[in-house]
N, C-alpha and C. Protein backbone atom coordinates (compact mmCIF):
# COMPACT_ATOMS: atom_id res chain seq x y z
N UNK A 1 -29.12 102.66 -1.34
CA UNK A 1 -28.51 103.80 -0.72
C UNK A 1 -27.49 104.41 -1.68
N UNK A 2 -27.55 105.71 -1.90
CA UNK A 2 -26.55 106.33 -2.77
C UNK A 2 -25.15 106.19 -2.18
N UNK A 3 -24.16 106.24 -3.08
CA UNK A 3 -22.79 106.02 -2.65
C UNK A 3 -22.24 107.12 -1.76
N UNK A 4 -22.74 108.34 -1.87
CA UNK A 4 -22.17 109.44 -1.10
C UNK A 4 -22.75 109.54 0.31
N UNK A 5 -23.76 108.76 0.65
CA UNK A 5 -24.29 108.76 2.01
C UNK A 5 -23.44 107.87 2.91
N UNK A 6 -23.23 108.29 4.16
CA UNK A 6 -22.42 107.45 5.06
C UNK A 6 -23.13 106.13 5.36
N UNK A 7 -22.35 105.07 5.35
CA UNK A 7 -22.88 103.74 5.65
C UNK A 7 -22.91 103.53 7.16
N UNK A 8 -23.96 102.93 7.70
CA UNK A 8 -23.97 102.65 9.13
C UNK A 8 -22.88 101.63 9.47
N UNK A 9 -22.19 101.88 10.58
CA UNK A 9 -21.14 100.97 10.99
C UNK A 9 -21.75 99.76 11.67
N UNK A 10 -21.18 98.60 11.38
CA UNK A 10 -21.61 97.37 12.04
C UNK A 10 -20.38 96.56 12.38
N UNK A 11 -20.56 95.63 13.29
CA UNK A 11 -19.47 94.72 13.63
C UNK A 11 -19.49 93.55 12.67
N UNK A 12 -18.57 92.60 12.86
CA UNK A 12 -18.46 91.45 11.97
C UNK A 12 -19.74 90.61 11.95
N UNK A 13 -20.46 90.56 13.08
CA UNK A 13 -21.67 89.75 13.13
C UNK A 13 -22.92 90.55 12.78
N UNK A 14 -22.75 91.80 12.33
CA UNK A 14 -23.88 92.60 11.88
C UNK A 14 -24.51 93.48 12.95
N UNK A 15 -24.02 93.43 14.18
CA UNK A 15 -24.56 94.25 15.26
C UNK A 15 -24.01 95.67 15.16
N UNK A 16 -24.65 96.56 15.87
CA UNK A 16 -24.14 97.92 15.97
C UNK A 16 -22.84 97.90 16.79
N UNK A 17 -21.92 98.82 16.51
CA UNK A 17 -20.66 98.82 17.26
C UNK A 17 -20.91 99.19 18.72
N UNK A 18 -20.03 98.75 19.62
CA UNK A 18 -20.19 99.07 21.03
C UNK A 18 -20.10 100.58 21.27
N UNK A 19 -20.73 101.02 22.35
CA UNK A 19 -20.69 102.43 22.74
C UNK A 19 -19.26 102.82 23.08
N UNK A 20 -18.75 103.94 22.51
CA UNK A 20 -17.39 104.35 22.89
C UNK A 20 -17.33 104.73 24.36
N UNK A 21 -16.26 104.34 25.01
CA UNK A 21 -16.11 104.56 26.45
C UNK A 21 -15.01 105.58 26.72
N UNK A 22 -15.14 106.35 27.80
CA UNK A 22 -14.09 107.31 28.14
C UNK A 22 -12.89 106.60 28.76
N UNK A 23 -11.70 107.23 28.71
CA UNK A 23 -10.50 106.61 29.30
C UNK A 23 -10.41 106.82 30.81
N UNK A 24 -11.52 107.07 31.47
CA UNK A 24 -11.54 107.30 32.90
C UNK A 24 -11.73 105.99 33.65
N UNK A 25 -11.57 106.05 34.96
CA UNK A 25 -11.74 104.85 35.77
C UNK A 25 -13.20 104.40 35.77
N UNK A 26 -14.12 105.33 35.97
CA UNK A 26 -15.55 105.00 35.93
C UNK A 26 -16.01 105.06 34.48
N UNK A 27 -16.52 103.94 33.98
CA UNK A 27 -16.93 103.87 32.58
C UNK A 27 -18.35 104.33 32.36
N UNK A 28 -19.20 104.15 33.35
CA UNK A 28 -20.60 104.52 33.22
C UNK A 28 -21.46 103.74 34.20
N UNK A 29 -22.76 103.74 33.92
CA UNK A 29 -23.70 103.06 34.82
C UNK A 29 -24.67 102.20 34.02
N UNK A 30 -25.01 101.08 34.62
CA UNK A 30 -26.07 100.21 34.09
C UNK A 30 -27.29 100.37 34.98
N UNK A 31 -28.44 100.68 34.39
CA UNK A 31 -29.70 100.72 35.13
C UNK A 31 -30.48 99.48 34.73
N UNK A 32 -30.65 98.59 35.73
CA UNK A 32 -31.27 97.29 35.47
C UNK A 32 -32.74 97.31 35.86
N UNK A 33 -33.49 96.41 35.25
CA UNK A 33 -34.89 96.23 35.64
C UNK A 33 -35.05 95.04 36.58
N UNK A 34 -33.93 94.38 36.92
CA UNK A 34 -33.96 93.23 37.82
C UNK A 34 -33.14 93.55 39.07
N UNK A 35 -33.30 92.73 40.10
CA UNK A 35 -32.55 92.92 41.34
C UNK A 35 -31.10 92.49 41.15
N UNK A 36 -30.21 93.00 42.02
CA UNK A 36 -28.78 92.72 41.90
C UNK A 36 -28.48 91.23 42.07
N UNK A 37 -29.18 90.54 42.99
CA UNK A 37 -28.90 89.11 43.20
C UNK A 37 -29.34 88.29 41.99
N UNK A 38 -30.44 88.69 41.34
CA UNK A 38 -30.87 88.02 40.11
C UNK A 38 -29.87 88.28 38.99
N UNK A 39 -29.30 89.48 38.95
CA UNK A 39 -28.29 89.82 37.94
C UNK A 39 -27.06 88.93 38.10
N UNK A 40 -26.61 88.75 39.33
CA UNK A 40 -25.44 87.91 39.58
C UNK A 40 -25.74 86.47 39.20
N UNK A 41 -26.95 85.99 39.49
CA UNK A 41 -27.32 84.62 39.13
C UNK A 41 -27.28 84.44 37.61
N UNK A 42 -27.82 85.40 36.88
CA UNK A 42 -27.81 85.31 35.40
C UNK A 42 -26.38 85.35 34.86
N UNK A 43 -25.55 86.18 35.45
CA UNK A 43 -24.17 86.29 34.98
C UNK A 43 -23.37 85.03 35.31
N UNK A 44 -23.66 84.40 36.44
CA UNK A 44 -23.01 83.12 36.76
C UNK A 44 -23.37 82.07 35.72
N UNK A 45 -24.62 82.05 35.30
CA UNK A 45 -25.05 81.10 34.26
C UNK A 45 -24.34 81.39 32.95
N UNK A 46 -24.20 82.67 32.60
CA UNK A 46 -23.50 83.07 31.38
C UNK A 46 -22.02 82.68 31.46
N UNK A 47 -21.44 82.83 32.64
CA UNK A 47 -20.03 82.48 32.85
C UNK A 47 -19.81 80.97 32.72
N UNK A 48 -20.73 80.19 33.23
CA UNK A 48 -20.61 78.74 33.16
C UNK A 48 -20.69 78.24 31.72
N UNK A 49 -21.33 79.01 30.85
CA UNK A 49 -21.38 78.66 29.42
C UNK A 49 -20.15 79.14 28.68
N UNK A 50 -19.22 79.81 29.38
CA UNK A 50 -17.98 80.27 28.76
C UNK A 50 -18.10 81.59 28.04
N UNK A 51 -19.14 82.35 28.29
CA UNK A 51 -19.36 83.62 27.58
C UNK A 51 -18.87 84.83 28.36
N UNK A 52 -18.44 84.64 29.61
CA UNK A 52 -18.03 85.77 30.45
C UNK A 52 -16.74 85.39 31.18
N UNK A 53 -15.57 85.67 30.57
CA UNK A 53 -14.31 85.20 31.16
C UNK A 53 -13.98 85.89 32.47
N UNK A 54 -13.50 85.12 33.42
CA UNK A 54 -13.03 85.65 34.69
C UNK A 54 -14.11 86.25 35.56
N UNK A 55 -15.34 85.77 35.45
CA UNK A 55 -16.43 86.31 36.28
C UNK A 55 -16.26 85.87 37.73
N UNK A 56 -16.38 86.83 38.64
CA UNK A 56 -16.37 86.56 40.08
C UNK A 56 -17.53 87.32 40.71
N UNK A 57 -18.27 86.66 41.58
CA UNK A 57 -19.43 87.29 42.20
C UNK A 57 -19.00 88.13 43.40
N UNK A 58 -19.96 88.76 44.03
CA UNK A 58 -19.71 89.74 45.10
C UNK A 58 -18.82 89.21 46.20
N UNK A 59 -17.88 90.05 46.61
CA UNK A 59 -17.02 89.74 47.73
C UNK A 59 -15.96 88.70 47.47
N UNK A 60 -15.96 88.08 46.29
CA UNK A 60 -14.96 87.05 46.02
C UNK A 60 -13.56 87.64 45.99
N UNK A 61 -13.40 88.80 45.38
CA UNK A 61 -12.08 89.43 45.31
C UNK A 61 -12.09 90.86 45.82
N UNK A 62 -13.18 91.56 45.63
CA UNK A 62 -13.26 92.96 46.03
C UNK A 62 -14.47 93.17 46.93
N UNK A 63 -14.30 93.76 48.10
CA UNK A 63 -15.42 93.87 49.04
C UNK A 63 -16.55 94.79 48.57
N UNK A 64 -16.24 95.80 47.76
CA UNK A 64 -17.28 96.75 47.35
C UNK A 64 -17.97 96.37 46.04
N UNK A 65 -17.58 95.28 45.43
CA UNK A 65 -18.10 94.92 44.10
C UNK A 65 -19.27 93.95 44.19
N UNK A 66 -20.27 94.18 43.32
CA UNK A 66 -21.33 93.21 43.16
C UNK A 66 -20.79 92.02 42.36
N UNK A 67 -19.97 92.31 41.36
CA UNK A 67 -19.26 91.30 40.58
C UNK A 67 -18.15 91.98 39.83
N UNK A 68 -17.22 91.16 39.33
CA UNK A 68 -16.19 91.70 38.44
C UNK A 68 -15.87 90.68 37.37
N UNK A 69 -15.36 91.18 36.23
CA UNK A 69 -15.09 90.38 35.05
C UNK A 69 -13.71 90.78 34.54
N UNK A 70 -12.96 89.84 34.01
CA UNK A 70 -11.65 90.14 33.45
C UNK A 70 -11.78 90.90 32.14
N UNK A 71 -10.89 91.87 31.96
CA UNK A 71 -10.76 92.61 30.70
C UNK A 71 -9.36 92.34 30.18
N UNK A 72 -9.27 91.94 28.94
CA UNK A 72 -7.98 91.59 28.37
C UNK A 72 -7.37 92.79 27.68
N UNK A 73 -6.16 93.16 28.09
CA UNK A 73 -5.42 94.25 27.51
C UNK A 73 -3.97 93.85 27.44
N UNK A 74 -3.54 93.34 26.31
CA UNK A 74 -2.20 92.76 26.21
C UNK A 74 -1.12 93.80 26.42
N UNK A 75 -0.14 93.60 27.27
CA UNK A 75 0.06 92.46 28.16
C UNK A 75 -0.52 92.66 29.55
N UNK A 76 -1.02 93.86 29.87
CA UNK A 76 -1.49 94.14 31.22
C UNK A 76 -3.02 94.13 31.26
N UNK A 77 -3.59 93.16 31.96
CA UNK A 77 -5.04 93.01 32.04
C UNK A 77 -5.64 93.92 33.10
N UNK A 78 -6.95 94.10 33.00
CA UNK A 78 -7.70 94.89 33.97
C UNK A 78 -8.94 94.11 34.36
N UNK A 79 -9.75 94.71 35.24
CA UNK A 79 -11.02 94.13 35.65
C UNK A 79 -12.13 95.13 35.41
N UNK A 80 -13.28 94.65 35.02
CA UNK A 80 -14.49 95.46 34.96
C UNK A 80 -15.24 95.17 36.25
N UNK A 81 -15.30 96.16 37.13
CA UNK A 81 -15.89 95.99 38.45
C UNK A 81 -17.24 96.70 38.47
N UNK A 82 -18.27 95.99 38.89
CA UNK A 82 -19.61 96.56 39.02
C UNK A 82 -19.91 96.78 40.49
N UNK A 83 -20.09 98.04 40.86
CA UNK A 83 -20.39 98.41 42.24
C UNK A 83 -21.89 98.69 42.33
N UNK A 84 -22.57 97.98 43.22
CA UNK A 84 -24.03 98.14 43.39
C UNK A 84 -24.31 99.45 44.12
N UNK A 85 -25.04 100.34 43.46
CA UNK A 85 -25.42 101.62 44.05
C UNK A 85 -26.85 101.59 44.59
N UNK A 86 -27.50 100.46 44.49
CA UNK A 86 -28.89 100.34 44.94
C UNK A 86 -29.85 100.77 43.85
N UNK A 87 -31.13 100.45 44.05
CA UNK A 87 -32.20 100.81 43.11
C UNK A 87 -31.91 100.33 41.69
N UNK A 88 -31.27 99.18 41.56
CA UNK A 88 -31.02 98.61 40.24
C UNK A 88 -29.94 99.31 39.44
N UNK A 89 -29.07 100.05 40.09
CA UNK A 89 -28.00 100.75 39.38
C UNK A 89 -26.65 100.14 39.74
N UNK A 90 -25.84 99.92 38.71
CA UNK A 90 -24.48 99.43 38.88
C UNK A 90 -23.51 100.44 38.27
N UNK A 91 -22.51 100.85 39.04
CA UNK A 91 -21.45 101.72 38.53
C UNK A 91 -20.34 100.81 38.02
N UNK A 92 -19.95 100.97 36.75
CA UNK A 92 -18.93 100.13 36.14
C UNK A 92 -17.59 100.86 36.15
N UNK A 93 -16.58 100.20 36.70
CA UNK A 93 -15.25 100.79 36.81
C UNK A 93 -14.21 99.84 36.22
N UNK A 94 -13.14 100.44 35.70
CA UNK A 94 -11.97 99.66 35.27
C UNK A 94 -10.94 99.73 36.38
N UNK A 95 -10.38 98.60 36.73
CA UNK A 95 -9.31 98.57 37.73
C UNK A 95 -8.19 97.67 37.21
N UNK A 96 -6.96 98.14 37.40
CA UNK A 96 -5.80 97.38 36.93
C UNK A 96 -5.61 96.12 37.76
N UNK A 97 -5.18 95.07 37.10
CA UNK A 97 -4.69 93.89 37.78
C UNK A 97 -3.18 94.09 37.84
N UNK A 98 -2.64 94.32 39.01
CA UNK A 98 -1.26 94.78 39.16
C UNK A 98 -0.22 93.67 39.17
N UNK A 99 -0.63 92.41 39.11
CA UNK A 99 0.34 91.33 39.18
C UNK A 99 1.32 91.36 38.01
N UNK A 100 0.84 91.50 36.80
CA UNK A 100 1.73 91.45 35.63
C UNK A 100 2.63 92.69 35.54
N UNK A 101 2.14 93.93 35.75
CA UNK A 101 3.08 95.06 35.72
C UNK A 101 4.16 94.96 36.80
N UNK A 102 3.80 94.49 37.98
CA UNK A 102 4.80 94.33 39.04
C UNK A 102 5.82 93.27 38.65
N UNK A 103 5.36 92.18 38.06
CA UNK A 103 6.27 91.13 37.61
C UNK A 103 7.21 91.65 36.52
N UNK A 104 6.68 92.42 35.55
CA UNK A 104 7.52 93.02 34.51
C UNK A 104 8.60 93.89 35.14
N UNK A 105 8.20 94.76 36.05
CA UNK A 105 9.15 95.67 36.68
C UNK A 105 10.20 94.90 37.48
N UNK A 106 9.77 93.90 38.21
CA UNK A 106 10.69 93.10 39.00
C UNK A 106 11.71 92.40 38.11
N UNK A 107 11.27 91.82 37.00
CA UNK A 107 12.18 91.14 36.08
C UNK A 107 13.17 92.13 35.48
N UNK A 108 12.70 93.32 35.12
CA UNK A 108 13.61 94.32 34.57
C UNK A 108 14.67 94.75 35.58
N UNK A 109 14.26 94.97 36.82
CA UNK A 109 15.20 95.41 37.84
C UNK A 109 16.20 94.30 38.17
N UNK A 110 15.71 93.08 38.32
CA UNK A 110 16.59 91.97 38.65
C UNK A 110 17.53 91.64 37.49
N UNK A 111 17.11 91.93 36.27
CA UNK A 111 17.98 91.62 35.13
C UNK A 111 19.15 92.58 35.02
N UNK A 112 19.13 93.70 35.72
CA UNK A 112 20.22 94.68 35.58
C UNK A 112 21.46 94.22 36.34
N UNK A 113 21.46 94.31 37.65
CA UNK A 113 22.71 94.02 38.37
C UNK A 113 22.97 92.52 38.56
N UNK A 114 22.03 91.74 39.05
CA UNK A 114 22.35 90.30 39.11
C UNK A 114 22.60 89.72 37.73
N UNK A 115 21.92 90.27 36.73
CA UNK A 115 22.12 89.80 35.36
C UNK A 115 23.52 90.10 34.86
N UNK A 116 24.06 91.26 35.22
CA UNK A 116 25.42 91.62 34.81
C UNK A 116 26.44 90.68 35.44
N UNK A 117 26.26 90.39 36.71
CA UNK A 117 27.18 89.47 37.40
C UNK A 117 27.12 88.08 36.79
N UNK A 118 25.92 87.62 36.51
CA UNK A 118 25.75 86.30 35.91
C UNK A 118 26.36 86.25 34.51
N UNK A 119 26.11 87.28 33.71
CA UNK A 119 26.65 87.31 32.36
C UNK A 119 28.18 87.35 32.38
N UNK A 120 28.75 88.12 33.30
CA UNK A 120 30.21 88.20 33.40
C UNK A 120 30.82 86.84 33.74
N UNK A 121 30.12 86.04 34.53
CA UNK A 121 30.64 84.72 34.87
C UNK A 121 30.57 83.76 33.68
N UNK A 122 29.67 84.03 32.72
CA UNK A 122 29.56 83.17 31.54
C UNK A 122 30.55 83.53 30.44
N UNK A 123 30.96 84.78 30.38
CA UNK A 123 31.85 85.22 29.30
C UNK A 123 33.29 84.78 29.60
N UNK A 124 33.95 84.21 28.61
CA UNK A 124 35.35 83.82 28.84
C UNK A 124 36.26 85.05 28.92
N UNK A 125 37.29 84.97 29.74
CA UNK A 125 38.21 86.10 29.92
C UNK A 125 38.99 86.39 28.65
N UNK A 126 39.07 85.44 27.77
CA UNK A 126 39.84 85.64 26.54
C UNK A 126 39.14 86.60 25.58
N UNK A 127 37.88 86.96 25.85
CA UNK A 127 37.18 87.88 24.98
C UNK A 127 37.60 89.33 25.22
N UNK A 128 38.39 89.55 26.20
CA UNK A 128 39.01 90.85 26.44
C UNK A 128 38.03 91.97 26.74
N UNK A 129 37.89 92.88 25.78
CA UNK A 129 37.13 94.11 25.99
C UNK A 129 35.69 93.83 26.41
N UNK A 130 35.03 92.84 25.82
CA UNK A 130 33.63 92.53 26.16
C UNK A 130 33.48 92.17 27.62
N UNK A 131 34.42 91.44 28.15
CA UNK A 131 34.35 91.03 29.54
C UNK A 131 34.78 92.14 30.49
N UNK A 132 35.85 92.84 30.15
CA UNK A 132 36.39 93.87 31.05
C UNK A 132 35.49 95.10 31.13
N UNK A 133 34.82 95.43 30.05
CA UNK A 133 33.98 96.64 30.01
C UNK A 133 32.50 96.28 29.85
N UNK A 134 32.08 95.34 30.63
CA UNK A 134 30.70 94.86 30.55
C UNK A 134 29.70 95.99 30.80
N UNK A 135 29.99 96.87 31.75
CA UNK A 135 29.04 97.93 32.08
C UNK A 135 28.81 98.90 30.92
N UNK A 136 29.73 99.02 30.00
CA UNK A 136 29.59 99.96 28.88
C UNK A 136 28.56 99.51 27.87
N UNK A 137 28.33 98.22 27.75
CA UNK A 137 27.36 97.76 26.76
C UNK A 137 26.17 97.03 27.39
N UNK A 138 26.33 96.38 28.52
CA UNK A 138 25.23 95.63 29.12
C UNK A 138 24.20 96.54 29.78
N UNK A 139 24.64 97.53 30.55
CA UNK A 139 23.70 98.41 31.22
C UNK A 139 22.81 99.18 30.25
N UNK A 140 23.36 99.77 29.18
CA UNK A 140 22.45 100.43 28.22
C UNK A 140 21.43 99.48 27.61
N UNK A 141 21.84 98.25 27.32
CA UNK A 141 20.90 97.29 26.73
C UNK A 141 19.75 96.96 27.66
N UNK A 142 20.03 96.87 28.96
CA UNK A 142 18.97 96.50 29.89
C UNK A 142 18.14 97.71 30.33
N UNK A 143 18.78 98.85 30.55
CA UNK A 143 18.05 100.02 31.05
C UNK A 143 17.19 100.66 29.97
N UNK A 144 17.59 100.54 28.71
CA UNK A 144 16.80 101.13 27.62
C UNK A 144 15.45 100.43 27.42
N UNK A 145 15.22 99.32 28.10
CA UNK A 145 13.93 98.63 27.99
C UNK A 145 12.83 99.33 28.77
N UNK A 146 13.18 100.11 29.78
CA UNK A 146 12.17 100.75 30.63
C UNK A 146 11.18 101.62 29.84
N UNK A 147 11.63 102.50 28.94
CA UNK A 147 10.64 103.27 28.17
C UNK A 147 9.74 102.39 27.30
N UNK A 148 10.28 101.29 26.80
CA UNK A 148 9.45 100.40 25.98
C UNK A 148 8.33 99.77 26.80
N UNK A 149 8.62 99.41 28.04
CA UNK A 149 7.59 98.85 28.91
C UNK A 149 6.55 99.92 29.24
N UNK A 150 7.00 101.15 29.48
CA UNK A 150 6.06 102.22 29.80
C UNK A 150 5.12 102.48 28.62
N UNK A 151 5.60 102.28 27.39
CA UNK A 151 4.74 102.48 26.21
C UNK A 151 3.67 101.40 26.09
N UNK A 152 3.85 100.29 26.79
CA UNK A 152 2.84 99.22 26.75
C UNK A 152 1.59 99.60 27.53
N UNK A 153 1.72 100.50 28.50
CA UNK A 153 0.59 100.84 29.37
C UNK A 153 -0.57 101.47 28.58
N UNK A 154 -0.36 102.50 27.74
CA UNK A 154 -1.48 103.05 26.98
C UNK A 154 -2.10 102.05 26.02
N UNK A 155 -1.28 101.19 25.43
CA UNK A 155 -1.81 100.17 24.52
C UNK A 155 -2.68 99.17 25.29
N UNK A 156 -2.23 98.79 26.47
CA UNK A 156 -3.02 97.88 27.30
C UNK A 156 -4.32 98.52 27.73
N UNK A 157 -4.26 99.81 28.09
CA UNK A 157 -5.47 100.53 28.50
C UNK A 157 -6.47 100.59 27.35
N UNK A 158 -6.00 100.91 26.14
CA UNK A 158 -6.90 100.99 24.98
C UNK A 158 -7.53 99.63 24.68
N UNK A 159 -6.75 98.57 24.76
CA UNK A 159 -7.29 97.22 24.52
C UNK A 159 -8.31 96.85 25.58
N UNK A 160 -8.04 97.20 26.84
CA UNK A 160 -8.98 96.89 27.92
C UNK A 160 -10.27 97.69 27.77
N UNK A 161 -10.18 98.95 27.34
CA UNK A 161 -11.38 99.76 27.13
C UNK A 161 -12.22 99.17 26.00
N UNK A 162 -11.57 98.73 24.93
CA UNK A 162 -12.30 98.10 23.83
C UNK A 162 -12.98 96.81 24.29
N UNK A 163 -12.28 96.02 25.10
CA UNK A 163 -12.88 94.79 25.61
C UNK A 163 -14.00 95.10 26.59
N UNK A 164 -13.86 96.19 27.35
CA UNK A 164 -14.93 96.60 28.27
C UNK A 164 -16.19 96.95 27.50
N UNK A 165 -16.03 97.65 26.38
CA UNK A 165 -17.21 98.00 25.57
C UNK A 165 -17.91 96.75 25.05
N UNK A 166 -17.13 95.77 24.60
CA UNK A 166 -17.72 94.51 24.13
C UNK A 166 -18.42 93.78 25.28
N UNK A 167 -17.80 93.77 26.45
CA UNK A 167 -18.37 93.07 27.60
C UNK A 167 -19.66 93.74 28.05
N UNK A 168 -19.69 95.06 28.06
CA UNK A 168 -20.91 95.78 28.45
C UNK A 168 -22.04 95.48 27.47
N UNK A 169 -21.71 95.37 26.19
CA UNK A 169 -22.73 95.01 25.20
C UNK A 169 -23.26 93.61 25.44
N UNK A 170 -22.43 92.70 25.98
CA UNK A 170 -22.90 91.35 26.34
C UNK A 170 -23.79 91.40 27.57
N UNK A 171 -23.44 92.28 28.53
CA UNK A 171 -24.17 92.35 29.79
C UNK A 171 -25.56 92.96 29.64
N UNK A 172 -25.70 93.95 28.78
CA UNK A 172 -26.96 94.68 28.67
C UNK A 172 -28.18 93.79 28.44
N UNK A 173 -28.18 92.92 27.44
CA UNK A 173 -29.39 92.10 27.24
C UNK A 173 -29.61 91.08 28.36
N UNK A 174 -28.54 90.56 28.93
CA UNK A 174 -28.67 89.55 29.99
C UNK A 174 -29.27 90.18 31.25
N UNK A 175 -28.89 91.41 31.53
CA UNK A 175 -29.35 92.08 32.75
C UNK A 175 -30.58 92.95 32.52
N UNK A 176 -31.12 92.96 31.32
CA UNK A 176 -32.24 93.86 30.97
C UNK A 176 -31.90 95.28 31.42
N UNK A 177 -30.76 95.77 30.95
CA UNK A 177 -30.23 97.03 31.47
C UNK A 177 -30.01 98.04 30.35
N UNK A 178 -29.97 99.29 30.77
CA UNK A 178 -29.65 100.40 29.89
C UNK A 178 -28.32 100.97 30.37
N UNK A 179 -27.38 101.16 29.43
CA UNK A 179 -26.06 101.65 29.79
C UNK A 179 -25.94 103.13 29.48
N UNK A 180 -25.43 103.89 30.44
CA UNK A 180 -25.16 105.31 30.27
C UNK A 180 -23.67 105.52 30.47
N UNK A 181 -22.93 105.86 29.39
CA UNK A 181 -21.49 106.06 29.56
C UNK A 181 -21.20 107.33 30.34
N UNK A 182 -20.12 107.32 31.08
CA UNK A 182 -19.70 108.50 31.83
C UNK A 182 -18.97 109.44 30.87
N UNK A 183 -19.20 110.72 31.04
CA UNK A 183 -18.49 111.71 30.24
C UNK A 183 -17.11 111.93 30.86
N UNK A 184 -16.10 112.09 30.01
CA UNK A 184 -14.73 112.23 30.51
C UNK A 184 -14.54 113.50 31.33
N UNK A 185 -15.33 114.54 31.05
CA UNK A 185 -15.16 115.80 31.78
C UNK A 185 -16.16 115.96 32.91
N UNK A 186 -16.91 114.92 33.22
CA UNK A 186 -17.95 114.97 34.23
C UNK A 186 -17.40 114.50 35.58
N UNK A 187 -17.81 115.13 36.67
CA UNK A 187 -17.40 114.68 38.01
C UNK A 187 -17.85 113.24 38.27
N UNK A 188 -18.96 112.86 37.67
CA UNK A 188 -19.50 111.53 37.84
C UNK A 188 -18.54 110.48 37.29
N UNK A 189 -17.72 110.88 36.32
CA UNK A 189 -16.77 109.95 35.70
C UNK A 189 -15.51 109.79 36.53
N UNK A 190 -15.48 110.41 37.69
CA UNK A 190 -14.36 110.31 38.61
C UNK A 190 -13.21 111.22 38.17
N UNK A 191 -13.23 111.66 36.92
CA UNK A 191 -12.26 112.61 36.44
C UNK A 191 -10.84 112.11 36.36
N UNK A 192 -10.57 110.89 36.84
CA UNK A 192 -9.21 110.39 36.86
C UNK A 192 -8.98 109.49 35.66
N UNK A 193 -7.85 109.66 35.05
CA UNK A 193 -7.45 108.72 34.02
C UNK A 193 -6.37 107.85 34.60
N UNK A 194 -6.19 106.70 34.02
CA UNK A 194 -5.17 105.77 34.50
C UNK A 194 -3.81 106.24 34.05
N UNK A 195 -2.75 105.77 34.73
CA UNK A 195 -1.39 106.17 34.32
C UNK A 195 -1.05 105.64 32.95
């Protein structure tokens, strides 16, 4: 191949790169050649071999899902939820796992006022200005963390979308399925982006 021609992109193991996914809630659809119950059985076997982290079958956590799989997005994880639309079609959606963001927010809020009272009890009175004017330096240090936490959300979303693409590439051969990504400007894609 001449040097000026573009080289085909491959992953570390030589496979083609995963299909790029839109930042919408609905990622796309899988059209399977097998029945939904057979698909869940195959995915359970894949999960037992350790190849599908956080796999849960229908109704285990979400009533409308055929199955869901964990998506890792540091520090806030998501789920890849497959909703059975019938006729061998699964709609794949990303949904936030809200436990960690709520915990982050709770820790930040609790660290402000109870944290100030606790810190004031630890500081000796002989330190003078630091103890008497605690609110002048402690509150800015704790409140300025909020924008930093908010900046974690897009990074977590991008990491989860990348992991979703890898997971979908694992699912396709196991389910004998063809994946059609949702277009970001299409009504079918739900049109909503995550916060």
